[in-house]
Structure formats: C-alpha cells, structure tokens
Amino acid sequence: MKNLTMEDLSAFCNQYGFIFKGSEIYGGLANTWDYGPYGTRLKNNIKDAWRYYFIQNRDNSYELDSDILMNPTVWEASGHLAGFSDPLLDCKSCKTRHRADNLINEFTTEVNADSMTQEEMIHYIREKQIPCPKCGKSDFTDIRQFNLMFATNRGVTKESASTIYLRPENAQGEYVNFLNVLRSMRTRLPFGIGQIGKAFRNEITPGNFTFRTIEFEQMEYQTFCKKGEDEGLYEYFKDYGIGFFEFLGIQREHLRHHDHEKLAHYAKAACDIESLFPFGWGEINGTHNRTDFDLKRHEEYSGKVLEYFDEETKERYIPFIIESTYGLDRIVLALLFETLEEEELEKGDTRQVLKLPAFLAPIKINILPLIKKRHGEKALELYNCLKRKYMVSYDDAGTIGKRYRRGDVIGTPYAVTIDDDTLENGTVTIRQRDTMEQVKLPVLELEHYFSDKFTIHMS
C-alpha cells in the first residue's frame, strides 16, 4: 500500500489478528511479538511453501528438526563463544546502548561500516559527531564487544548447574548431523539438509516492528558438496533464492542482491537478498559459501571423523557447505507490505485488500449466508463440509458488503454466498477477492472448482 509505514502495518496486524505485542497485558517485553490466528496460519503456509521449494521439489534434500539446546562445545567449535559479538557503545547522556555500525550506516551512505574496524568506527563517529538517535547528543563511550548468546543453566542445584546456550542459529544442528543424514538416507554428494526452527540473539534491536527481534524463526538450507563445485552452487542459490521470493509473490523490482564486503571468519563468499521496506532495503536471506570450515572444526572438537568417501574417485575429504538462510518473520513482514493495498471503488468507496497468493492466504474460503435466519442452516452445512479440506470461515454478521470487506482485508481469496437460489436450485455465488467478479455454480461442483485453487506448485 502506498505510503504504508511500519507503524501502520503494526496497527493493521494488531487489529486483524496477525501479530500482537508480546505479554501485552503486562506492559509487554521489548521486541517480542506473538502471532495471532491469521499470522500463525500465514507463517505455516510460508513454511509449507519453503518445504515444497527446497525439500519436496529438489533431489537429495532432507528435512531435520534438531534441538534448540546443544552441547556447549558445539558453540566453541563454531566460534560463537569467542567471536559472536556486536560492537556496542553507550550514550553518556541518556544511557542508551547502540550498535556502532548501525549508527554509521543510518547516518551516511558515504561509507559502509560493515567494512570498518572497531577503531575506524569510533574514530568516524567522533569525527562526524554522529548524534544519539534518542537524545541527539554526541557523547559516546568507547566501543565494547558484547556476546550475543543467551546463556542459561542446566542442573537442579546452583552448585551442580552447568552453562548451556539457546542457539543463535539453526545451522550447527545440521552440521553435527551431517553423518547421520548421510548414513540413514544412503545419499551422496551433493545433498541438502533443510531445517525450520527458532533462534535467539541477545542483541540491540532498532524497533522496526518484527524486522529484528531477540527471538526469531529461520528456514535454513545447507548444501554439502565437493570442493570445486562450491562456487557454482553458491551462484545458483543466490538466484534460486530470488526465485523463491518471486514464487511467494514479492515483485522482482523489490528485491536485490547485496554482496558482503566484510566476510565472516567461516566464509569464502557471502551475499544477502534484500527486500524494500518503508525504512529502506533490509535483509531477508543470507547465502554463504562456508567452505569446509564448519565440518573441520566439529571434527577437531568432537574427535569424530567427518569425512565423505567418494565411491567413484575413492577419495576421502571433508565437504564444502553452501548455506542459504531465510528469515521467516521478515518474510511475513515483506509479504504484508507487498500485498496490502487500498483500492478506490465506485461511488467514492474504498477497501483494504490483502492480495496474498491463494496458497499463502490464512483462510481460503469465507462462507456467507445472505440472510442468517433463512440461509444460515444451509450455509453451516456447506461450511462443515468444506472445512474438512480447507481452512474455511463462516460469517453471518452485518451486511453482505461488510462481510466481503472483512474477508478482503485478511486476504481470503474466495467468498461463497448462500441465498434463495441455493435453496431452490442448489447454486451458490462465488466471489473472487482481487477482481470482485462473481459466478454462479452448483454446490455439487464446488469441490472440483476449488480442487487446484490452493495448490502449491511451480510454473
């Protein structure tokens, strides 16, 4: 929708049951959000689309569900305990804490803080007198590195407790299960492991609704391959990711690649896919060539051999990994911005409509009795029949026009109205959300009519 702000979308999501503020009756908890009935359905539909696109539609692709809590040594091997931190500084005036790189990148486009050292960042902030976003003064402490891992204790008493961590990413669960999947699936390189799950990062969040939160959900896909095939697969998954977002309904002109200038310790190459939000371009995917770093580290720290034996060449080697990670919460946000529209209708009327692809819509069909007393019984009969196969709603409150609008605003693709014709000759009126066109159809043909309307498939 034109000129839609993050605040507008937050209000929309709260009003219509997509996303609520976390722990709201207790005043909330900063940067936590609960998904409502429609938001939950939308997330699950995106997950199903990802599973289709990355698991079902690809050869040698397997899904995993690893535990959030892992042996603490995993995070030593991955480098998170030693190097997973943010460059933070405090405003001496108002005592707020900020990420140094964000302060610079939001202040100017002349330099990119991602490619600057800690010393270069603090020098630039002081030289340019970059103001505090809250109080406007420019009086900051030196930069300090803060580890982003959430730590907790495992044990029944304080004396016996040991420190474990909430995972900051899903990837390590896929890496430590590399041999298990290889063996149990009797597969060969290249093969992929995908996983959907929660991750946690104790980081400073800027307040852009659900764009950056301390608890979030990732859809990750790791491709294990032979060295030499890695560069081609890396380029392939950069484009495959763009295709996935277009498949979900995001326009190509609202997507772009952003190659990293400064690489993480494990990466040979890295690129984000960014979507256009009201605040500018924001990352919704990260694709990385992680080389053989992860498996070598886990082999070193675990003492287990993580080599692959190539039956054709009789070689033994540790595979390279191409990672493609998708932020589920950010994709929900991007899709809502992409598909929420306000349209002008005849006689000066307007409507809000969420033009999600039908396979992503939280509710597929809205069953509407024209007059509750006269048509309600038949409408409920049809509702109970269709709900066995689809997510269906029933609405008998208010005028038929208002009920159409309620369906439009939550993205319901079809409305089926039961009227006198239904009682007399067994026909119903089907209204399509986007065009608002209506067709008459016998009730007995409804199942065939809707049979392929909500199917996930690639063209």
Protein backbone atom coordinates (compact mmCIF):
# COMPACT_ATOMS: atom_id res chain seq x y z
CA MET A 1 0.00 0.00 0.00
CA LYS A 2 1.37 3.39 -0.95
CA ASN A 3 3.00 5.29 1.92
CA LEU A 4 2.37 2.42 4.34
CA THR A 5 4.59 2.89 7.40
CA MET A 6 5.86 0.32 9.88
CA GLU A 7 3.53 1.86 12.48
CA ASP A 8 0.58 1.49 10.08
CA LEU A 9 1.37 -2.18 9.50
CA SER A 10 1.80 -2.85 13.21
CA ALA A 11 -1.65 -1.37 13.86
CA PHE A 12 -3.13 -3.40 10.98
CA CYS A 13 -1.61 -6.64 12.31
CA ASN A 14 -2.92 -5.97 15.82
CA GLN A 15 -6.43 -5.07 14.62
CA TYR A 16 -6.89 -8.05 12.33
CA GLY A 17 -5.26 -10.82 14.31
CA PHE A 18 -1.91 -11.22 12.56
CA ILE A 19 0.62 -10.08 15.18
CA PHE A 20 0.20 -8.90 18.78
CA LYS A 21 2.63 -7.29 21.19
CA GLY A 22 4.22 -9.95 23.42
CA SER A 23 2.94 -10.14 27.02
CA GLU A 24 0.77 -7.11 26.27
CA ILE A 25 -1.42 -7.27 29.41
CA TYR A 26 1.77 -6.92 31.48
CA GLY A 27 3.07 -3.97 29.53
CA GLY A 28 4.93 -6.13 27.02
CA LEU A 29 8.58 -7.12 26.71
CA ALA A 30 10.69 -5.09 24.31
CA ASN A 31 10.92 -6.55 20.81
CA THR A 32 8.84 -9.64 21.49
CA TRP A 33 5.74 -10.40 19.43
CA ASP A 34 3.02 -13.05 19.42
CA TYR A 35 1.48 -14.25 16.17
CA GLY A 36 -2.31 -14.22 16.19
CA PRO A 37 -4.66 -16.66 14.44
CA TYR A 38 -4.13 -15.26 10.94
CA GLY A 39 -0.44 -14.55 11.42
CA THR A 40 0.14 -18.11 12.59
CA ARG A 41 -1.63 -19.51 9.55
CA LEU A 42 0.38 -17.23 7.24
CA LYS A 43 3.66 -18.35 8.82
CA ASN A 44 2.72 -22.00 8.50
CA ASN A 45 1.74 -21.55 4.86
CA ILE A 46 5.11 -19.91 4.12
CA LYS A 47 6.83 -22.84 5.83
CA ASP A 48 4.90 -25.26 3.65
CA ALA A 49 5.89 -23.27 0.55
CA TRP A 50 9.55 -23.35 1.63
CA ARG A 51 9.34 -27.13 2.21
CA TYR A 52 7.89 -27.55 -1.26
CA TYR A 53 10.50 -25.32 -2.90
CA PHE A 54 13.58 -26.60 -1.04
CA ILE A 55 12.77 -30.15 0.08
CA GLN A 56 9.98 -31.70 -1.97
CA ASN A 57 10.93 -30.15 -5.30
CA ARG A 58 14.66 -30.90 -5.02
CA ASP A 59 16.53 -34.21 -5.28
CA ASN A 60 18.64 -35.42 -2.34
CA SER A 61 17.04 -32.92 0.03
CA TYR A 62 16.14 -33.84 3.59
CA GLU A 63 14.49 -32.01 6.47
CA LEU A 64 15.82 -32.05 10.02
CA ASP A 65 14.49 -30.83 13.36
CA SER A 66 17.42 -30.51 15.76
CA ASP A 67 17.18 -29.41 19.40
CA ILE A 68 17.45 -25.78 20.42
CA LEU A 69 19.76 -26.74 23.30
CA MET A 70 23.03 -28.38 22.25
CA ASN A 71 26.24 -29.49 23.88
CA PRO A 72 28.10 -26.26 24.79
CA THR A 73 31.21 -27.47 22.94
CA VAL A 74 29.25 -27.05 19.70
CA TRP A 75 29.44 -23.29 20.20
CA GLU A 76 33.15 -23.42 20.94
CA ALA A 77 33.74 -25.29 17.70
CA SER A 78 31.55 -22.92 15.68
CA GLY A 79 33.36 -19.86 17.06
CA HIS A 80 30.27 -18.32 18.64
CA LEU A 81 31.56 -18.29 22.20
CA ALA A 82 34.74 -16.50 21.23
CA GLY A 83 33.64 -14.26 18.38
CA PHE A 84 29.86 -13.88 18.18
CA SER A 85 29.51 -10.30 19.35
CA ASP A 86 28.28 -6.84 18.43
CA PRO A 87 30.27 -3.57 18.58
CA LEU A 88 28.23 -1.64 21.15
CA LEU A 89 28.66 1.75 22.76
CA ASP A 90 26.64 3.75 25.27
CA CYS A 91 25.41 7.32 25.11
CA LYS A 92 26.87 9.02 28.20
CA SER A 93 23.99 11.48 28.28
CA CYS A 94 20.83 9.31 28.09
CA LYS A 95 22.48 5.93 28.88
CA THR A 96 21.02 4.16 25.83
CA ARG A 97 23.06 1.48 24.09
CA HIS A 98 23.63 1.37 20.33
CA ARG A 99 25.43 -0.67 17.71
CA ALA A 100 28.29 1.36 16.29
CA ASP A 101 27.86 0.01 12.75
CA ASN A 102 24.15 0.87 12.75
CA LEU A 103 24.86 4.43 13.93
CA ILE A 104 27.20 4.95 10.99
CA ASN A 105 25.11 3.22 8.31
CA GLU A 106 21.98 5.12 9.34
CA PHE A 107 23.89 8.43 9.42
CA THR A 108 25.51 8.23 5.97
CA THR A 109 25.82 6.30 2.73
CA GLU A 110 29.33 7.65 2.06
CA VAL A 111 30.96 4.79 3.97
CA ASN A 112 29.94 1.24 4.86
CA ALA A 113 30.55 0.36 8.50
CA ASP A 114 30.48 -3.36 7.64
CA SER A 115 33.96 -2.98 6.16
CA MET A 116 35.40 -0.85 9.02
CA THR A 117 37.43 -1.95 12.01
CA GLN A 118 36.35 -1.12 15.55
CA GLU A 119 38.94 1.67 15.74
CA GLU A 120 37.81 3.13 12.40
CA MET A 121 34.17 3.13 13.53
CA ILE A 122 34.72 5.02 16.79
CA HIS A 123 37.03 7.48 15.02
CA TYR A 124 34.37 8.15 12.35
CA ILE A 125 31.57 8.55 14.94
CA ARG A 126 33.58 11.13 16.88
CA GLU A 127 34.95 12.93 13.84
CA LYS A 128 31.50 13.34 12.27
CA GLN A 129 29.81 13.99 15.62
CA ILE A 130 27.12 11.39 14.87
CA PRO A 131 24.20 12.11 17.24
CA CYS A 132 22.48 9.70 19.59
CA PRO A 133 19.14 8.66 17.99
CA LYS A 134 17.35 9.21 21.31
CA CYS A 135 18.74 12.41 22.83
CA GLY A 136 20.61 13.98 19.89
CA LYS A 137 23.90 14.44 21.72
CA SER A 138 27.21 13.01 20.50
CA ASP A 139 28.98 11.79 23.60
CA PHE A 140 29.61 8.05 23.46
CA THR A 141 31.75 5.58 25.36
CA ASP A 142 34.38 3.52 23.59
CA ILE A 143 33.15 0.51 21.61
CA ARG A 144 32.94 -2.76 23.52
CA GLN A 145 32.18 -6.21 22.13
CA PHE A 146 29.12 -7.91 23.68
CA ASN A 147 28.49 -11.61 23.09
CA LEU A 148 25.03 -12.23 21.67
CA MET A 149 24.49 -15.71 23.08
CA PHE A 150 21.64 -16.31 25.54
CA ALA A 151 23.07 -18.38 28.39
CA THR A 152 21.05 -20.49 30.81
CA ASN A 153 21.82 -23.09 33.48
CA ARG A 154 21.18 -26.80 33.39
CA GLY A 155 21.07 -28.54 36.76
CA VAL A 156 18.82 -28.95 39.81
CA THR A 157 21.02 -27.01 42.21
CA LYS A 158 23.17 -23.94 41.89
CA GLU A 159 26.30 -25.95 42.71
CA SER A 160 25.64 -28.61 40.06
CA ALA A 161 24.44 -26.25 37.33
CA SER A 162 26.30 -26.08 34.05
CA THR A 163 26.02 -23.31 31.45
CA ILE A 164 24.27 -24.08 28.18
CA TYR A 165 23.05 -21.75 25.42
CA LEU A 166 19.99 -21.03 23.35
CA ARG A 167 21.11 -21.49 19.77
CA PRO A 168 21.85 -18.26 17.85
CA GLU A 169 21.35 -20.09 14.52
CA ASN A 170 19.98 -23.41 13.28
CA ALA A 171 22.94 -24.31 11.09
CA GLN A 172 25.04 -26.14 13.67
CA GLY A 173 22.27 -28.70 14.17
CA GLU A 174 22.55 -29.58 10.50
CA TYR A 175 26.35 -29.77 10.60
CA VAL A 176 26.59 -32.08 13.61
CA ASN A 177 24.03 -34.38 11.93
CA PHE A 178 25.86 -34.48 8.62
CA LEU A 179 26.98 -38.10 9.07
CA ASN A 180 23.60 -39.21 10.44
CA VAL A 181 21.74 -37.94 7.38
CA LEU A 182 24.42 -39.24 5.01
CA ARG A 183 24.17 -42.72 6.55
CA SER A 184 20.44 -43.05 7.20
CA MET A 185 19.33 -41.61 3.85
CA ARG A 186 22.05 -43.54 1.93
CA THR A 187 22.67 -40.39 -0.09
CA ARG A 188 25.63 -38.96 -1.99
CA LEU A 189 27.10 -35.53 -2.57
CA PRO A 190 25.81 -33.06 -3.36
CA PHE A 191 22.87 -33.25 -0.95
CA GLY A 192 20.95 -30.75 1.15
CA ILE A 193 19.67 -30.57 4.70
CA GLY A 194 16.90 -28.11 5.50
CA GLN A 195 15.52 -27.04 8.85
CA ILE A 196 12.92 -24.66 10.21
CA GLY A 197 13.32 -23.52 13.79
CA LYS A 198 13.68 -20.81 16.40
CA ALA A 199 16.94 -18.98 17.11
CA PHE A 200 17.81 -16.40 19.77
CA ARG A 201 20.19 -13.44 19.85
CA ASN A 202 20.69 -11.05 22.74
CA GLU A 203 21.23 -8.03 20.55
CA ILE A 204 20.24 -4.40 20.31
CA THR A 205 17.07 -4.08 18.24
CA PRO A 206 16.08 -0.82 16.49
CA GLY A 207 12.33 -1.18 16.94
CA ASN A 208 11.27 -1.81 13.32
CA PHE A 209 8.33 -3.99 14.39
CA THR A 210 9.24 -7.67 13.73
CA PHE A 211 12.19 -6.96 11.44
CA ARG A 212 14.80 -7.53 14.16
CA THR A 213 13.84 -9.38 17.34
CA ILE A 214 15.64 -11.33 20.04
CA GLU A 215 13.64 -14.48 19.21
CA PHE A 216 13.05 -15.34 15.57
CA GLU A 217 12.43 -18.21 13.19
CA GLN A 218 14.73 -19.33 10.39
CA MET A 219 14.29 -21.57 7.36
CA GLU A 220 17.77 -22.84 6.55
CA TYR A 221 19.12 -24.94 3.73
CA GLN A 222 22.64 -26.36 3.72
CA THR A 223 24.13 -27.95 0.61
CA PHE A 224 27.08 -30.30 1.17
CA CYS A 225 29.30 -30.55 -1.89
CA LYS A 226 32.77 -31.32 -3.20
CA LYS A 227 35.36 -28.58 -3.29
CA GLY A 228 35.39 -27.18 -6.81
CA GLU A 229 31.61 -27.39 -7.12
CA ASP A 230 31.07 -24.82 -4.37
CA GLU A 231 31.38 -21.63 -6.41
CA GLY A 232 28.81 -22.73 -8.98
CA LEU A 233 26.38 -23.83 -6.28
CA TYR A 234 26.85 -20.54 -4.43
CA GLU A 235 25.85 -18.56 -7.53
CA TYR A 236 22.98 -20.97 -8.18
CA PHE A 237 21.46 -20.49 -4.72
CA LYS A 238 21.73 -16.71 -4.95
CA ASP A 239 19.38 -16.87 -7.95
CA TYR A 240 17.31 -19.72 -6.53
CA GLY A 241 16.54 -17.51 -3.53
CA ILE A 242 15.29 -14.69 -5.75
CA GLY A 243 13.06 -17.22 -7.48
CA PHE A 244 11.67 -18.35 -4.14
CA PHE A 245 10.66 -14.82 -3.16
CA GLU A 246 9.02 -14.22 -6.53
CA PHE A 247 7.22 -17.54 -6.05
CA LEU A 248 5.83 -16.15 -2.77
CA GLY A 249 4.58 -13.03 -4.55
CA ILE A 250 7.28 -10.39 -3.97
CA GLN A 251 7.96 -8.36 -7.11
CA ARG A 252 11.44 -8.62 -8.63
CA GLU A 253 11.94 -4.85 -8.53
CA HIS A 254 11.52 -5.01 -4.75
CA LEU A 255 14.40 -7.49 -4.40
CA ARG A 256 18.14 -7.10 -4.81
CA HIS A 257 21.42 -8.88 -4.10
CA HIS A 258 23.88 -7.26 -1.71
CA ASP A 259 27.34 -8.81 -1.68
CA HIS A 260 29.27 -8.60 1.59
CA GLU A 261 32.44 -6.53 1.61
CA LYS A 262 33.49 -7.84 5.01
CA LEU A 263 33.29 -11.62 5.35
CA ALA A 264 32.68 -13.69 8.47
CA HIS A 265 35.50 -15.93 9.67
CA TYR A 266 33.95 -19.00 8.04
CA ALA A 267 33.00 -17.51 4.66
CA LYS A 268 34.65 -17.57 1.25
CA ALA A 269 31.79 -15.50 -0.19
CA ALA A 270 28.56 -14.05 1.18
CA CYS A 271 25.52 -12.30 -0.25
CA ASP A 272 22.21 -11.09 1.13
CA ILE A 273 18.92 -10.86 -0.68
CA GLU A 274 17.24 -7.64 0.43
CA SER A 275 13.63 -6.54 0.16
CA LEU A 276 12.40 -2.97 0.01
CA PHE A 277 10.75 -1.94 3.29
CA PRO A 278 9.44 1.53 4.31
CA PHE A 279 12.74 2.16 6.12
CA GLY A 280 14.78 1.08 3.07
CA TRP A 281 16.41 -2.14 1.96
CA GLY A 282 16.51 -4.92 4.55
CA GLU A 283 17.97 -8.43 4.53
CA ILE A 284 15.54 -11.38 4.22
CA ASN A 285 18.05 -14.02 3.10
CA GLY A 286 21.72 -14.76 3.56
CA THR A 287 23.64 -17.06 1.21
CA HIS A 288 27.18 -18.06 2.18
CA ASN A 289 29.99 -20.21 0.88
CA ARG A 290 31.15 -21.59 4.24
CA THR A 291 33.90 -23.79 2.69
CA ASP A 292 34.83 -26.81 4.84
CA PHE A 293 35.31 -24.66 7.95
CA ASP A 294 32.36 -25.98 9.99
CA LEU A 295 32.87 -29.69 9.50
CA LYS A 296 36.62 -29.37 10.09
CA ARG A 297 36.00 -27.54 13.37
CA HIS A 298 33.45 -30.10 14.53
CA GLU A 299 35.82 -32.90 13.60
CA GLU A 300 38.57 -31.22 15.63
CA TYR A 301 36.44 -30.54 18.72
CA SER A 302 34.43 -33.78 18.73
CA GLY A 303 37.21 -36.16 17.77
CA LYS A 304 34.87 -37.80 15.22
CA VAL A 305 35.89 -38.25 11.59
CA LEU A 306 33.52 -36.21 9.40
CA GLU A 307 34.95 -37.17 6.01
CA TYR A 308 32.95 -38.20 2.97
CA PHE A 309 34.06 -41.24 0.97
CA ASP A 310 33.56 -40.79 -2.76
CA GLU A 311 32.76 -44.20 -4.25
CA GLU A 312 33.66 -43.11 -7.79
CA THR A 313 37.05 -41.49 -7.14
CA LYS A 314 37.88 -43.46 -3.95
CA GLU A 315 38.77 -40.14 -2.27
CA ARG A 316 38.10 -39.12 1.31
CA TYR A 317 37.50 -35.43 2.02
CA ILE A 318 35.52 -33.01 4.13
CA PRO A 319 32.73 -31.40 2.10
CA PHE A 320 32.24 -27.70 1.48
CA ILE A 321 28.93 -26.14 2.55
CA ILE A 322 26.72 -23.63 0.74
CA GLU A 323 24.24 -22.11 3.19
CA SER A 324 21.03 -20.31 2.23
CA THR A 325 19.09 -18.94 5.21
CA TYR A 326 15.64 -17.33 5.15
CA GLY A 327 14.22 -15.18 7.95
CA LEU A 328 10.61 -16.30 8.34
CA ASP A 329 9.46 -13.32 10.41
CA ARG A 330 11.00 -10.89 7.94
CA ILE A 331 9.37 -12.70 5.02
CA VAL A 332 5.98 -12.34 6.72
CA LEU A 333 6.70 -8.63 7.08
CA ALA A 334 7.84 -8.26 3.47
CA LEU A 335 4.75 -10.08 2.15
CA LEU A 336 2.37 -7.94 4.18
CA PHE A 337 3.98 -4.78 2.84
CA GLU A 338 3.96 -6.22 -0.67
CA THR A 339 0.32 -7.33 -0.77
CA LEU A 340 -1.67 -4.92 1.44
CA GLU A 341 -3.42 -2.43 -0.83
CA GLU A 342 -6.06 0.26 -0.56
CA GLU A 343 -8.31 0.49 -3.61
CA GLU A 344 -10.76 3.13 -4.70
CA LEU A 345 -14.14 1.71 -5.72
CA GLU A 346 -17.23 3.14 -7.32
CA LYS A 347 -19.16 5.96 -5.63
CA GLY A 348 -16.05 7.11 -3.74
CA ASP A 349 -15.85 3.97 -1.62
CA THR A 350 -12.52 2.34 -0.70
CA ARG A 351 -11.43 -1.07 0.51
CA GLN A 352 -8.31 -2.56 2.07
CA VAL A 353 -7.37 -5.86 0.49
CA LEU A 354 -4.51 -8.25 1.24
CA LYS A 355 -3.62 -9.75 -2.14
CA LEU A 356 -1.68 -12.77 -0.93
CA PRO A 357 -1.29 -15.69 -3.32
CA ALA A 358 -4.13 -18.12 -2.63
CA PHE A 359 -1.79 -20.84 -1.34
CA LEU A 360 -0.49 -18.44 1.35
CA ALA A 361 -3.84 -16.99 2.44
CA PRO A 362 -4.68 -17.80 6.10
CA ILE A 363 -8.33 -18.50 5.23
CA LYS A 364 -9.14 -19.92 1.81
CA ILE A 365 -12.93 -19.60 1.64
CA ASN A 366 -15.47 -17.47 3.51
CA ILE A 367 -18.97 -18.96 3.77
CA LEU A 368 -21.68 -16.28 3.89
CA PRO A 369 -25.43 -16.82 4.35
CA LEU A 370 -27.17 -13.90 2.65
CA ILE A 371 -29.82 -13.82 5.39
CA LYS A 372 -28.93 -15.70 8.57
CA LYS A 373 -32.45 -16.82 9.52
CA ARG A 374 -33.28 -18.06 6.04
CA HIS A 375 -29.92 -19.32 4.73
CA GLY A 376 -27.89 -19.98 7.88
CA GLU A 377 -28.64 -23.70 8.19
CA LYS A 378 -27.61 -24.46 4.60
CA ALA A 379 -24.54 -22.24 4.94
CA LEU A 380 -23.39 -24.12 8.06
CA GLU A 381 -23.90 -27.40 6.26
CA LEU A 382 -21.63 -26.22 3.45
CA TYR A 383 -19.11 -24.81 5.95
CA ASN A 384 -18.87 -28.13 7.79
CA CYS A 385 -18.35 -29.93 4.50
CA LEU A 386 -15.60 -27.65 3.13
CA LYS A 387 -13.67 -27.28 6.39
CA ARG A 388 -12.64 -30.94 6.16
CA LYS A 389 -10.43 -29.98 3.22
CA TYR A 390 -9.66 -26.26 3.54
CA MET A 391 -9.22 -23.51 6.13
CA VAL A 392 -12.72 -22.04 5.94
CA SER A 393 -14.51 -19.32 7.91
CA TYR A 394 -18.21 -18.66 8.50
CA ASP A 395 -19.56 -15.11 8.83
CA ASP A 396 -23.20 -14.13 9.27
CA ALA A 397 -22.86 -10.72 10.99
CA GLY A 398 -23.67 -7.46 9.18
CA THR A 399 -24.42 -6.70 5.56
CA ILE A 400 -23.02 -8.87 2.81
CA GLY A 401 -20.85 -5.94 1.68
CA LYS A 402 -19.23 -5.58 5.09
CA ARG A 403 -18.59 -9.30 5.21
CA TYR A 404 -16.90 -9.17 1.82
CA ARG A 405 -14.66 -6.39 3.13
CA ARG A 406 -13.75 -8.39 6.25
CA GLY A 407 -12.64 -11.24 4.05
CA ASP A 408 -10.73 -8.96 1.68
CA VAL A 409 -8.66 -7.32 4.42
CA ILE A 410 -7.34 -10.64 5.79
CA GLY A 411 -6.63 -11.95 2.28
CA THR A 412 -9.37 -14.57 1.84
CA PRO A 413 -9.35 -15.40 -1.92
CA TYR A 414 -12.95 -16.61 -2.26
CA ALA A 415 -16.35 -15.93 -0.71
CA VAL A 416 -19.26 -18.32 -1.21
CA THR A 417 -22.70 -16.79 -0.66
CA ILE A 418 -25.75 -18.94 0.10
CA ASP A 419 -29.06 -17.37 -0.93
CA ASP A 420 -32.55 -18.28 -2.18
CA ASP A 421 -31.09 -19.77 -5.36
CA THR A 422 -29.18 -22.24 -3.18
CA LEU A 423 -32.38 -23.40 -1.53
CA GLU A 424 -34.34 -23.51 -4.77
CA ASN A 425 -31.90 -24.89 -7.34
CA GLY A 426 -28.69 -25.72 -5.46
CA THR A 427 -26.46 -22.92 -6.79
CA VAL A 428 -24.19 -20.57 -4.86
CA THR A 429 -22.44 -17.31 -5.73
CA ILE A 430 -18.62 -17.35 -5.69
CA ARG A 431 -16.84 -14.00 -5.40
CA GLN A 432 -13.13 -13.64 -6.20
CA ARG A 433 -11.17 -11.33 -3.88
CA ASP A 434 -8.93 -9.42 -6.32
CA THR A 435 -11.34 -8.85 -9.22
CA MET A 436 -14.55 -8.93 -7.12
CA GLU A 437 -16.12 -10.83 -10.03
CA GLN A 438 -18.93 -13.26 -9.20
CA VAL A 439 -20.01 -16.53 -10.77
CA LYS A 440 -22.91 -18.89 -10.10
CA LEU A 441 -22.07 -22.54 -9.60
CA PRO A 442 -23.92 -25.66 -8.43
CA VAL A 443 -22.97 -26.73 -4.91
CA LEU A 444 -22.07 -30.18 -6.24
CA GLU A 445 -19.33 -28.62 -8.41
CA LEU A 446 -17.62 -26.68 -5.59
CA GLU A 447 -15.14 -29.41 -4.72
CA HIS A 448 -13.97 -29.61 -8.35
CA TYR A 449 -13.89 -25.81 -8.67
CA PHE A 450 -11.58 -25.41 -5.66
CA SER A 451 -9.54 -28.56 -6.29
CA ASP A 452 -6.48 -26.76 -7.68
CA LYS A 453 -7.05 -23.21 -6.45
CA PHE A 454 -4.79 -23.51 -3.37
CA THR A 455 -2.19 -26.00 -4.58
CA ILE A 456 1.47 -25.09 -4.15
CA HIS A 457 3.23 -25.66 -7.44
CA MET A 458 6.00 -24.14 -9.53
CA SER A 459 5.15 -22.96 -13.04
